[in-house]
Full PDB file with SEQRES, HELIX, SHEET, SSBOND, CRYST1, ORIGX, SCALE, CONECT and MASTER records, all heavy atoms in Angstrom:
SEQRES   1 A   36  GLU ASP GLU HIS VAL GLU THR ASP SER LEU PHE VAL LEU          
SEQRES   2 A   36  ILE GLY ALA ASP ALA ARG THR ASP TRP LEU ARG ASP VAL          
SEQRES   3 A   36  VAL LEU ARG ASP GLU ARG GLY TYR VAL CYS                      
HELIX    1 AA1 ASP A   21  LEU A   23  5                                   3    
CRYST1    1.000    1.000    1.000  90.00  90.00  90.00 P 1           1          
ORIGX1      1.000000  0.000000  0.000000        0.00000                         
ORIGX2      0.000000  1.000000  0.000000        0.00000                         
ORIGX3      0.000000  0.000000  1.000000        0.00000                         
SCALE1      1.000000  0.000000  0.000000        0.00000                         
SCALE2      0.000000  1.000000  0.000000        0.00000                         
SCALE3      0.000000  0.000000  1.000000        0.00000                         
ATOM      1  N   GLU A   1      16.753  -6.243  -6.499  1.00  0.00           N  
ATOM      2  CA  GLU A   1      17.938  -6.929  -7.015  1.00  0.00           C  
ATOM      3  C   GLU A   1      18.415  -8.008  -6.043  1.00  0.00           C  
ATOM      4  O   GLU A   1      18.206  -7.919  -4.832  1.00  0.00           O  
ATOM      5  CB  GLU A   1      19.068  -5.920  -7.252  1.00  0.00           C  
ATOM      6  CG  GLU A   1      18.749  -4.882  -8.320  1.00  0.00           C  
ATOM      7  CD  GLU A   1      19.888  -3.894  -8.505  1.00  0.00           C  
ATOM      8  OE1 GLU A   1      20.851  -3.949  -7.702  1.00  0.00           O  
ATOM      9  OE2 GLU A   1      19.818  -3.067  -9.436  1.00  0.00           O  
ATOM     10  N   ASP A   2      19.081  -9.033  -6.626  1.00  0.00           N  
ATOM     11  CA  ASP A   2      19.725 -10.069  -5.833  1.00  0.00           C  
ATOM     12  C   ASP A   2      21.236  -9.868  -5.894  1.00  0.00           C  
ATOM     13  O   ASP A   2      21.789  -9.526  -6.946  1.00  0.00           O  
ATOM     14  CB  ASP A   2      19.390 -11.461  -6.362  1.00  0.00           C  
ATOM     15  CG  ASP A   2      17.954 -11.855  -6.058  1.00  0.00           C  
ATOM     16  OD1 ASP A   2      17.379 -11.293  -5.099  1.00  0.00           O  
ATOM     17  OD2 ASP A   2      17.407 -12.701  -6.787  1.00  0.00           O  
ATOM     18  N   GLU A   3      21.889 -10.075  -4.763  1.00  0.00           N  
ATOM     19  CA  GLU A   3      23.341  -9.887  -4.686  1.00  0.00           C  
ATOM     20  C   GLU A   3      23.971 -11.158  -4.109  1.00  0.00           C  
ATOM     21  O   GLU A   3      23.469 -11.729  -3.138  1.00  0.00           O  
ATOM     22  CB  GLU A   3      23.671  -8.699  -3.772  1.00  0.00           C  
ATOM     23  CG  GLU A   3      25.158  -8.475  -3.538  1.00  0.00           C  
ATOM     24  CD  GLU A   3      25.437  -7.431  -2.461  1.00  0.00           C  
ATOM     25  OE1 GLU A   3      24.481  -6.975  -1.804  1.00  0.00           O  
ATOM     26  OE2 GLU A   3      26.626  -7.090  -2.278  1.00  0.00           O  
ATOM     27  N   HIS A   4      25.069 -11.608  -4.727  1.00  0.00           N  
ATOM     28  CA  HIS A   4      25.810 -12.749  -4.185  1.00  0.00           C  
ATOM     29  C   HIS A   4      27.007 -12.222  -3.395  1.00  0.00           C  
ATOM     30  O   HIS A   4      27.782 -11.398  -3.896  1.00  0.00           O  
ATOM     31  CB  HIS A   4      26.312 -13.669  -5.296  1.00  0.00           C  
ATOM     32  CG  HIS A   4      27.128 -14.817  -4.774  1.00  0.00           C  
ATOM     33  ND1 HIS A   4      26.556 -15.944  -4.233  1.00  0.00           N  
ATOM     34  CD2 HIS A   4      28.484 -14.985  -4.688  1.00  0.00           C  
ATOM     35  CE1 HIS A   4      27.506 -16.773  -3.841  1.00  0.00           C  
ATOM     36  NE2 HIS A   4      28.687 -16.221  -4.123  1.00  0.00           N  
ATOM     37  N   VAL A   5      27.145 -12.673  -2.169  1.00  0.00           N  
ATOM     38  CA  VAL A   5      28.278 -12.263  -1.337  1.00  0.00           C  
ATOM     39  C   VAL A   5      29.020 -13.511  -0.873  1.00  0.00           C  
ATOM     40  O   VAL A   5      28.428 -14.560  -0.641  1.00  0.00           O  
ATOM     41  CB  VAL A   5      27.822 -11.429  -0.118  1.00  0.00           C  
ATOM     42  CG1 VAL A   5      27.132 -10.160  -0.569  1.00  0.00           C  
ATOM     43  CG2 VAL A   5      26.915 -12.228   0.802  1.00  0.00           C  
ATOM     44  N   GLU A   6      30.332 -13.388  -0.740  1.00  0.00           N  
ATOM     45  CA  GLU A   6      31.151 -14.494  -0.256  1.00  0.00           C  
ATOM     46  C   GLU A   6      31.407 -14.334   1.235  1.00  0.00           C  
ATOM     47  O   GLU A   6      31.847 -13.284   1.698  1.00  0.00           O  
ATOM     48  CB  GLU A   6      32.484 -14.526  -1.012  1.00  0.00           C  
ATOM     49  CG  GLU A   6      32.343 -14.868  -2.489  1.00  0.00           C  
ATOM     50  CD  GLU A   6      33.688 -14.987  -3.182  1.00  0.00           C  
ATOM     51  OE1 GLU A   6      34.719 -14.770  -2.487  1.00  0.00           O  
ATOM     52  OE2 GLU A   6      33.723 -15.291  -4.384  1.00  0.00           O  
ATOM     53  N   THR A   7      31.115 -15.380   1.986  1.00  0.00           N  
ATOM     54  CA  THR A   7      31.375 -15.389   3.424  1.00  0.00           C  
ATOM     55  C   THR A   7      31.293 -16.820   3.924  1.00  0.00           C  
ATOM     56  O   THR A   7      30.586 -17.659   3.347  1.00  0.00           O  
ATOM     57  CB  THR A   7      30.367 -14.518   4.195  1.00  0.00           C  
ATOM     58  OG1 THR A   7      30.711 -14.525   5.594  1.00  0.00           O  
ATOM     59  CG2 THR A   7      28.942 -15.043   4.050  1.00  0.00           C  
ATOM     60  N   ASP A   8      32.038 -17.103   4.985  1.00  0.00           N  
ATOM     61  CA  ASP A   8      31.926 -18.417   5.622  1.00  0.00           C  
ATOM     62  C   ASP A   8      31.440 -18.285   7.063  1.00  0.00           C  
ATOM     63  O   ASP A   8      31.549 -19.226   7.854  1.00  0.00           O  
ATOM     64  CB  ASP A   8      33.261 -19.160   5.588  1.00  0.00           C  
ATOM     65  CG  ASP A   8      34.357 -18.444   6.370  1.00  0.00           C  
ATOM     66  OD1 ASP A   8      34.096 -17.346   6.924  1.00  0.00           O  
ATOM     67  OD2 ASP A   8      35.480 -18.979   6.443  1.00  0.00           O  
ATOM     68  N   SER A   9      30.872 -17.095   7.389  1.00  0.00           N  
ATOM     69  CA  SER A   9      30.417 -16.852   8.761  1.00  0.00           C  
ATOM     70  C   SER A   9      29.099 -16.081   8.749  1.00  0.00           C  
ATOM     71  O   SER A   9      29.073 -14.891   8.411  1.00  0.00           O  
ATOM     72  CB  SER A   9      31.469 -16.064   9.546  1.00  0.00           C  
ATOM     73  OG  SER A   9      32.691 -16.775   9.619  1.00  0.00           O  
ATOM     74  N   LEU A  10      28.023 -16.775   9.107  1.00  0.00           N  
ATOM     75  CA  LEU A  10      26.700 -16.157   9.163  1.00  0.00           C  
ATOM     76  C   LEU A  10      26.086 -16.438  10.535  1.00  0.00           C  
ATOM     77  O   LEU A  10      25.932 -17.604  10.924  1.00  0.00           O  
ATOM     78  CB  LEU A  10      25.796 -16.714   8.065  1.00  0.00           C  
ATOM     79  CG  LEU A  10      24.330 -16.241   8.084  1.00  0.00           C  
ATOM     80  CD1 LEU A  10      24.243 -14.743   7.791  1.00  0.00           C  
ATOM     81  CD2 LEU A  10      23.490 -17.036   7.090  1.00  0.00           C  
ATOM     82  N   PHE A  11      25.734 -15.384  11.248  1.00  0.00           N  
ATOM     83  CA  PHE A  11      25.112 -15.509  12.565  1.00  0.00           C  
ATOM     84  C   PHE A  11      23.660 -15.049  12.465  1.00  0.00           C  
ATOM     85  O   PHE A  11      23.385 -13.963  11.957  1.00  0.00           O  
ATOM     86  CB  PHE A  11      25.876 -14.673  13.596  1.00  0.00           C  
ATOM     87  CG  PHE A  11      27.269 -15.169  13.838  1.00  0.00           C  
ATOM     88  CD1 PHE A  11      28.317 -14.735  13.033  1.00  0.00           C  
ATOM     89  CD2 PHE A  11      27.530 -16.081  14.838  1.00  0.00           C  
ATOM     90  CE1 PHE A  11      29.611 -15.196  13.239  1.00  0.00           C  
ATOM     91  CE2 PHE A  11      28.813 -16.556  15.060  1.00  0.00           C  
ATOM     92  CZ  PHE A  11      29.860 -16.114  14.255  1.00  0.00           C  
ATOM     93  N   VAL A  12      22.763 -15.896  12.942  1.00  0.00           N  
ATOM     94  CA  VAL A  12      21.329 -15.668  12.766  1.00  0.00           C  
ATOM     95  C   VAL A  12      20.697 -15.316  14.107  1.00  0.00           C  
ATOM     96  O   VAL A  12      20.756 -16.108  15.059  1.00  0.00           O  
ATOM     97  CB  VAL A  12      20.645 -16.915  12.165  1.00  0.00           C  
ATOM     98  CG1 VAL A  12      19.174 -16.635  11.904  1.00  0.00           C  
ATOM     99  CG2 VAL A  12      21.356 -17.342  10.883  1.00  0.00           C  
ATOM    100  N   LEU A  13      20.086 -14.147  14.185  1.00  0.00           N  
ATOM    101  CA  LEU A  13      19.409 -13.672  15.398  1.00  0.00           C  
ATOM    102  C   LEU A  13      18.088 -13.029  14.972  1.00  0.00           C  
ATOM    103  O   LEU A  13      17.927 -11.804  14.953  1.00  0.00           O  
ATOM    104  CB  LEU A  13      20.279 -12.676  16.162  1.00  0.00           C  
ATOM    105  CG  LEU A  13      21.692 -13.160  16.527  1.00  0.00           C  
ATOM    106  CD1 LEU A  13      22.723 -12.646  15.514  1.00  0.00           C  
ATOM    107  CD2 LEU A  13      22.081 -12.689  17.931  1.00  0.00           C  
ATOM    108  N   ILE A  14      17.142 -13.883  14.562  1.00  0.00           N  
ATOM    109  CA  ILE A  14      15.909 -13.380  13.942  1.00  0.00           C  
ATOM    110  C   ILE A  14      14.680 -13.679  14.795  1.00  0.00           C  
ATOM    111  O   ILE A  14      13.638 -14.071  14.308  1.00  0.00           O  
ATOM    112  CB  ILE A  14      15.726 -13.979  12.539  1.00  0.00           C  
ATOM    113  CG1 ILE A  14      15.773 -15.521  12.577  1.00  0.00           C  
ATOM    114  CG2 ILE A  14      16.770 -13.435  11.582  1.00  0.00           C  
ATOM    115  CD1 ILE A  14      15.448 -16.168  11.230  1.00  0.00           C  
ATOM    116  N   GLY A  15      14.802 -13.467  16.091  1.00  0.00           N  
ATOM    117  CA  GLY A  15      13.653 -13.708  16.953  1.00  0.00           C  
ATOM    118  C   GLY A  15      13.643 -15.132  17.460  1.00  0.00           C  
ATOM    119  O   GLY A  15      14.560 -15.910  17.227  1.00  0.00           O  
ATOM    120  N   ALA A  16      12.581 -15.474  18.164  1.00  0.00           N  
ATOM    121  CA  ALA A  16      12.554 -16.780  18.814  1.00  0.00           C  
ATOM    122  C   ALA A  16      11.120 -17.281  18.957  1.00  0.00           C  
ATOM    123  O   ALA A  16      10.159 -16.516  18.859  1.00  0.00           O  
ATOM    124  CB  ALA A  16      13.216 -16.668  20.191  1.00  0.00           C  
ATOM    125  N   ASP A  17      11.005 -18.581  19.184  1.00  0.00           N  
ATOM    126  CA  ASP A  17       9.705 -19.223  19.341  1.00  0.00           C  
ATOM    127  C   ASP A  17       9.684 -20.046  20.622  1.00  0.00           C  
ATOM    128  O   ASP A  17      10.725 -20.537  21.080  1.00  0.00           O  
ATOM    129  CB  ASP A  17       9.409 -20.153  18.156  1.00  0.00           C  
ATOM    130  CG  ASP A  17       9.227 -19.390  16.849  1.00  0.00           C  
ATOM    131  OD1 ASP A  17       8.536 -18.368  16.867  1.00  0.00           O  
ATOM    132  OD2 ASP A  17       9.792 -19.833  15.829  1.00  0.00           O  
ATOM    133  N   ALA A  18       8.496 -20.194  21.190  1.00  0.00           N  
ATOM    134  CA  ALA A  18       8.319 -21.044  22.369  1.00  0.00           C  
ATOM    135  C   ALA A  18       8.365 -22.508  21.950  1.00  0.00           C  
ATOM    136  O   ALA A  18       7.754 -22.889  20.954  1.00  0.00           O  
ATOM    137  CB  ALA A  18       6.989 -20.727  23.047  1.00  0.00           C  
ATOM    138  N   ARG A  19       9.100 -23.316  22.694  1.00  0.00           N  
ATOM    139  CA  ARG A  19       9.186 -24.758  22.443  1.00  0.00           C  
ATOM    140  C   ARG A  19       8.511 -25.483  23.610  1.00  0.00           C  
ATOM    141  O   ARG A  19       9.160 -25.929  24.550  1.00  0.00           O  
ATOM    142  CB  ARG A  19      10.638 -25.201  22.313  1.00  0.00           C  
ATOM    143  CG  ARG A  19      11.472 -24.359  21.347  1.00  0.00           C  
ATOM    144  CD  ARG A  19      11.047 -24.524  19.913  1.00  0.00           C  
ATOM    145  NE  ARG A  19      11.942 -23.807  19.004  1.00  0.00           N  
ATOM    146  CZ  ARG A  19      11.693 -23.596  17.732  1.00  0.00           C  
ATOM    147  NH1 ARG A  19      10.562 -24.049  17.203  1.00  0.00           N  
ATOM    148  NH2 ARG A  19      12.556 -22.927  16.971  1.00  0.00           N  
ATOM    149  N   THR A  20       7.198 -25.572  23.549  1.00  0.00           N  
ATOM    150  CA  THR A  20       6.434 -26.117  24.682  1.00  0.00           C  
ATOM    151  C   THR A  20       5.582 -27.318  24.288  1.00  0.00           C  
ATOM    152  O   THR A  20       4.626 -27.658  24.983  1.00  0.00           O  
ATOM    153  CB  THR A  20       5.521 -25.024  25.273  1.00  0.00           C  
ATOM    154  OG1 THR A  20       4.665 -24.516  24.221  1.00  0.00           O  
ATOM    155  CG2 THR A  20       6.329 -23.875  25.854  1.00  0.00           C  
ATOM    156  N   ASP A  21       5.912 -27.967  23.166  1.00  0.00           N  
ATOM    157  CA  ASP A  21       5.100 -29.101  22.720  1.00  0.00           C  
ATOM    158  C   ASP A  21       5.041 -30.210  23.772  1.00  0.00           C  
ATOM    159  O   ASP A  21       4.043 -30.939  23.855  1.00  0.00           O  
ATOM    160  CB  ASP A  21       5.664 -29.667  21.409  1.00  0.00           C  
ATOM    161  CG  ASP A  21       5.481 -28.701  20.247  1.00  0.00           C  
ATOM    162  OD1 ASP A  21       4.689 -27.763  20.396  1.00  0.00           O  
ATOM    163  OD2 ASP A  21       6.156 -28.880  19.218  1.00  0.00           O  
ATOM    164  N   TRP A  22       6.087 -30.335  24.579  1.00  0.00           N  
ATOM    165  CA  TRP A  22       6.125 -31.411  25.566  1.00  0.00           C  
ATOM    166  C   TRP A  22       5.035 -31.251  26.625  1.00  0.00           C  
ATOM    167  O   TRP A  22       4.650 -32.221  27.291  1.00  0.00           O  
ATOM    168  CB  TRP A  22       7.502 -31.475  26.230  1.00  0.00           C  
ATOM    169  CG  TRP A  22       7.836 -30.256  27.060  1.00  0.00           C  
ATOM    170  CD1 TRP A  22       8.412 -29.113  26.633  1.00  0.00           C  
ATOM    171  CD2 TRP A  22       7.597 -30.089  28.459  1.00  0.00           C  
ATOM    172  NE1 TRP A  22       8.556 -28.226  27.662  1.00  0.00           N  
ATOM    173  CE2 TRP A  22       8.060 -28.804  28.804  1.00  0.00           C  
ATOM    174  CE3 TRP A  22       7.044 -30.886  29.461  1.00  0.00           C  
ATOM    175  CZ2 TRP A  22       8.003 -28.297  30.099  1.00  0.00           C  
ATOM    176  CZ3 TRP A  22       6.972 -30.387  30.758  1.00  0.00           C  
ATOM    177  CH2 TRP A  22       7.444 -29.114  31.065  1.00  0.00           C  
ATOM    178  N   LEU A  23       4.502 -30.027  26.776  1.00  0.00           N  
ATOM    179  CA  LEU A  23       3.439 -29.805  27.756  1.00  0.00           C  
ATOM    180  C   LEU A  23       2.087 -30.347  27.291  1.00  0.00           C  
ATOM    181  O   LEU A  23       1.180 -30.546  28.099  1.00  0.00           O  
ATOM    182  CB  LEU A  23       3.307 -28.299  28.055  1.00  0.00           C  
ATOM    183  CG  LEU A  23       4.374 -27.698  28.959  1.00  0.00           C  
ATOM    184  CD1 LEU A  23       4.300 -26.181  28.931  1.00  0.00           C  
ATOM    185  CD2 LEU A  23       4.228 -28.214  30.376  1.00  0.00           C  
ATOM    186  N   ARG A  24       1.962 -30.512  25.979  1.00  0.00           N  
ATOM    187  CA  ARG A  24       0.717 -31.006  25.385  1.00  0.00           C  
ATOM    188  C   ARG A  24      -0.465 -30.188  25.910  1.00  0.00           C  
ATOM    189  O   ARG A  24      -0.466 -28.967  25.803  1.00  0.00           O  
ATOM    190  CB  ARG A  24       0.569 -32.506  25.636  1.00  0.00           C  
ATOM    191  CG  ARG A  24       1.714 -33.343  25.050  1.00  0.00           C  
ATOM    192  CD  ARG A  24       1.543 -34.830  25.320  1.00  0.00           C  
ATOM    193  NE  ARG A  24       2.628 -35.597  24.734  1.00  0.00           N  
ATOM    194  CZ  ARG A  24       3.800 -35.804  25.339  1.00  0.00           C  
ATOM    195  NH1 ARG A  24       4.012 -35.332  26.554  1.00  0.00           N  
ATOM    196  NH2 ARG A  24       4.755 -36.498  24.733  1.00  0.00           N  
ATOM    197  N   ASP A  25      -1.481 -30.869  26.480  1.00  0.00           N  
ATOM    198  CA  ASP A  25      -2.659 -30.152  26.965  1.00  0.00           C  
ATOM    199  C   ASP A  25      -2.667 -30.024  28.485  1.00  0.00           C  
ATOM    200  O   ASP A  25      -3.719 -29.766  29.093  1.00  0.00           O  
ATOM    201  CB  ASP A  25      -3.940 -30.882  26.518  1.00  0.00           C  
ATOM    202  CG  ASP A  25      -4.077 -30.908  25.004  1.00  0.00           C  
ATOM    203  OD1 ASP A  25      -3.671 -29.916  24.361  1.00  0.00           O  
ATOM    204  OD2 ASP A  25      -4.575 -31.908  24.460  1.00  0.00           O  
ATOM    205  N   VAL A  26      -1.510 -30.183  29.107  1.00  0.00           N  
ATOM    206  CA  VAL A  26      -1.463 -30.127  30.574  1.00  0.00           C  
ATOM    207  C   VAL A  26      -1.797 -28.740  31.071  1.00  0.00           C  
ATOM    208  O   VAL A  26      -2.565 -28.558  32.026  1.00  0.00           O  
ATOM    209  CB  VAL A  26      -0.076 -30.570  31.073  1.00  0.00           C  
ATOM    210  CG1 VAL A  26       0.035 -30.372  32.587  1.00  0.00           C  
ATOM    211  CG2 VAL A  26       0.177 -32.029  30.715  1.00  0.00           C  
ATOM    212  N   VAL A  27      -1.223 -27.708  30.458  1.00  0.00           N  
ATOM    213  CA  VAL A  27      -1.536 -26.325  30.808  1.00  0.00           C  
ATOM    214  C   VAL A  27      -2.030 -25.605  29.554  1.00  0.00           C  
ATOM    215  O   VAL A  27      -1.718 -26.007  28.425  1.00  0.00           O  
ATOM    216  CB  VAL A  27      -0.310 -25.579  31.392  1.00  0.00           C  
ATOM    217  CG1 VAL A  27       0.183 -26.253  32.659  1.00  0.00           C  
ATOM    218  CG2 VAL A  27       0.809 -25.479  30.368  1.00  0.00           C  
ATOM    219  N   LEU A  28      -2.781 -24.541  29.763  1.00  0.00           N  
ATOM    220  CA  LEU A  28      -3.324 -23.780  28.636  1.00  0.00           C  
ATOM    221  C   LEU A  28      -2.214 -23.000  27.950  1.00  0.00           C  
ATOM    222  O   LEU A  28      -1.445 -22.285  28.602  1.00  0.00           O  
ATOM    223  CB  LEU A  28      -4.412 -22.819  29.131  1.00  0.00           C  
ATOM    224  CG  LEU A  28      -5.096 -21.974  28.050  1.00  0.00           C  
ATOM    225  CD1 LEU A  28      -5.918 -22.861  27.125  1.00  0.00           C  
ATOM    226  CD2 LEU A  28      -5.977 -20.903  28.690  1.00  0.00           C  
ATOM    227  N   ARG A  29      -2.126 -23.125  26.607  1.00  0.00           N  
ATOM    228  CA  ARG A  29      -1.169 -22.386  25.803  1.00  0.00           C  
ATOM    229  C   ARG A  29      -1.907 -21.675  24.676  1.00  0.00           C  
ATOM    230  O   ARG A  29      -2.992 -22.092  24.274  1.00  0.00           O  
ATOM    231  CB  ARG A  29      -0.118 -23.328  25.210  1.00  0.00           C  
ATOM    232  CG  ARG A  29       0.717 -24.068  26.242  1.00  0.00           C  
ATOM    233  CD  ARG A  29       1.694 -25.037  25.579  1.00  0.00           C  
ATOM    234  NE  ARG A  29       0.996 -26.134  24.908  1.00  0.00           N  
ATOM    235  CZ  ARG A  29       1.407 -26.724  23.798  1.00  0.00           C  
ATOM    236  NH1 ARG A  29       2.501 -26.284  23.186  1.00  0.00           N  
ATOM    237  NH2 ARG A  29       0.729 -27.712  23.269  1.00  0.00           N  
ATOM    238  N   ASP A  30      -1.297 -20.607  24.178  1.00  0.00           N  
ATOM    239  CA  ASP A  30      -1.931 -19.922  23.056  1.00  0.00           C  
ATOM    240  C   ASP A  30      -1.532 -20.591  21.746  1.00  0.00           C  
ATOM    241  O   ASP A  30      -0.821 -21.616  21.737  1.00  0.00           O  
ATOM    242  CB  ASP A  30      -1.614 -18.421  23.058  1.00  0.00           C  
ATOM    243  CG  ASP A  30      -0.141 -18.108  22.766  1.00  0.00           C  
ATOM    244  OD1 ASP A  30       0.609 -19.034  22.383  1.00  0.00           O  
ATOM    245  OD2 ASP A  30       0.256 -16.945  22.912  1.00  0.00           O  
ATOM    246  N   GLU A  31      -1.966 -20.022  20.624  1.00  0.00           N  
ATOM    247  CA  GLU A  31      -1.742 -20.665  19.328  1.00  0.00           C  
ATOM    248  C   GLU A  31      -0.266 -20.718  18.938  1.00  0.00           C  
ATOM    249  O   GLU A  31       0.130 -21.512  18.082  1.00  0.00           O  
ATOM    250  CB  GLU A  31      -2.537 -19.931  18.245  1.00  0.00           C  
ATOM    251  CG  GLU A  31      -2.100 -18.501  17.970  1.00  0.00           C  
ATOM    252  CD  GLU A  31      -2.619 -17.493  18.996  1.00  0.00           C  
ATOM    253  OE1 GLU A  31      -3.362 -17.922  19.917  1.00  0.00           O  
ATOM    254  OE2 GLU A  31      -2.287 -16.298  18.887  1.00  0.00           O  
ATOM    255  N   ARG A  32       0.575 -19.903  19.587  1.00  0.00           N  
ATOM    256  CA  ARG A  32       2.010 -19.912  19.279  1.00  0.00           C  
ATOM    257  C   ARG A  32       2.815 -20.709  20.308  1.00  0.00           C  
ATOM    258  O   ARG A  32       4.035 -20.742  20.237  1.00  0.00           O  
ATOM    259  CB  ARG A  32       2.530 -18.478  19.216  1.00  0.00           C  
ATOM    260  CG  ARG A  32       1.908 -17.652  18.097  1.00  0.00           C  
ATOM    261  CD  ARG A  32       2.388 -16.215  18.142  1.00  0.00           C  
ATOM    262  NE  ARG A  32       3.837 -16.130  18.025  1.00  0.00           N  
ATOM    263  CZ  ARG A  32       4.553 -15.059  18.376  1.00  0.00           C  
ATOM    264  NH1 ARG A  32       3.935 -13.996  18.888  1.00  0.00           N  
ATOM    265  NH2 ARG A  32       5.855 -15.046  18.229  1.00  0.00           N  
ATOM    266  N   GLY A  33       2.135 -21.345  21.242  1.00  0.00           N  
ATOM    267  CA  GLY A  33       2.812 -22.189  22.209  1.00  0.00           C  
ATOM    268  C   GLY A  33       3.183 -21.508  23.508  1.00  0.00           C  
ATOM    269  O   GLY A  33       3.725 -22.158  24.409  1.00  0.00           O  
ATOM    270  N   TYR A  34       2.894 -20.215  23.636  1.00  0.00           N  
ATOM    271  CA  TYR A  34       3.213 -19.513  24.874  1.00  0.00           C  
ATOM    272  C   TYR A  34       2.210 -19.889  25.962  1.00  0.00           C  
ATOM    273  O   TYR A  34       1.017 -20.086  25.694  1.00  0.00           O  
ATOM    274  CB  TYR A  34       3.229 -18.001  24.652  1.00  0.00           C  
ATOM    275  CG  TYR A  34       4.405 -17.549  23.805  1.00  0.00           C  
ATOM    276  CD1 TYR A  34       4.311 -17.463  22.418  1.00  0.00           C  
ATOM    277  CD2 TYR A  34       5.623 -17.243  24.396  1.00  0.00           C  
ATOM    278  CE1 TYR A  34       5.396 -17.087  21.638  1.00  0.00           C  
ATOM    279  CE2 TYR A  34       6.716 -16.848  23.635  1.00  0.00           C  
ATOM    280  CZ  TYR A  34       6.597 -16.770  22.255  1.00  0.00           C  
ATOM    281  OH  TYR A  34       7.673 -16.401  21.499  1.00  0.00           O  
ATOM    282  N   VAL A  35       2.694 -19.984  27.207  1.00  0.00           N  
ATOM    283  CA  VAL A  35       1.880 -20.470  28.316  1.00  0.00           C  
ATOM    284  C   VAL A  35       1.044 -19.336  28.894  1.00  0.00           C  
ATOM    285  O   VAL A  35       1.568 -18.257  29.212  1.00  0.00           O  
ATOM    286  CB  VAL A  35       2.769 -21.092  29.406  1.00  0.00           C  
ATOM    287  CG1 VAL A  35       1.926 -21.576  30.580  1.00  0.00           C  
ATOM    288  CG2 VAL A  35       3.585 -22.247  28.823  1.00  0.00           C  
ATOM    289  N   CYS A  36      -0.258 -19.577  29.049  1.00  0.00           N  
ATOM    290  CA  CYS A  36      -1.185 -18.577  29.592  1.00  0.00           C  
ATOM    291  C   CYS A  36      -1.171 -18.635  31.117  1.00  0.00           C  
ATOM    292  O   CYS A  36      -0.967 -19.694  31.722  1.00  0.00           O  
ATOM    293  CB  CYS A  36      -2.594 -18.822  29.075  1.00  0.00           C  
ATOM    294  SG  CYS A  36      -2.736 -18.777  27.265  1.00  0.00           S  
TER     295      CYS A  36                                                      
MASTER        0    0    0    1    0    0    0    6  294    1    0    3          
END                                                                             
């Protein structure tokens, strides 16, 4: 089922990702961007 709820405050804490695109190929990274 789908439910509609009224709220004006939603806080999102659903994990995180590595932001290492600026490193390009300078250091070895895995497929998700984490540094080896």
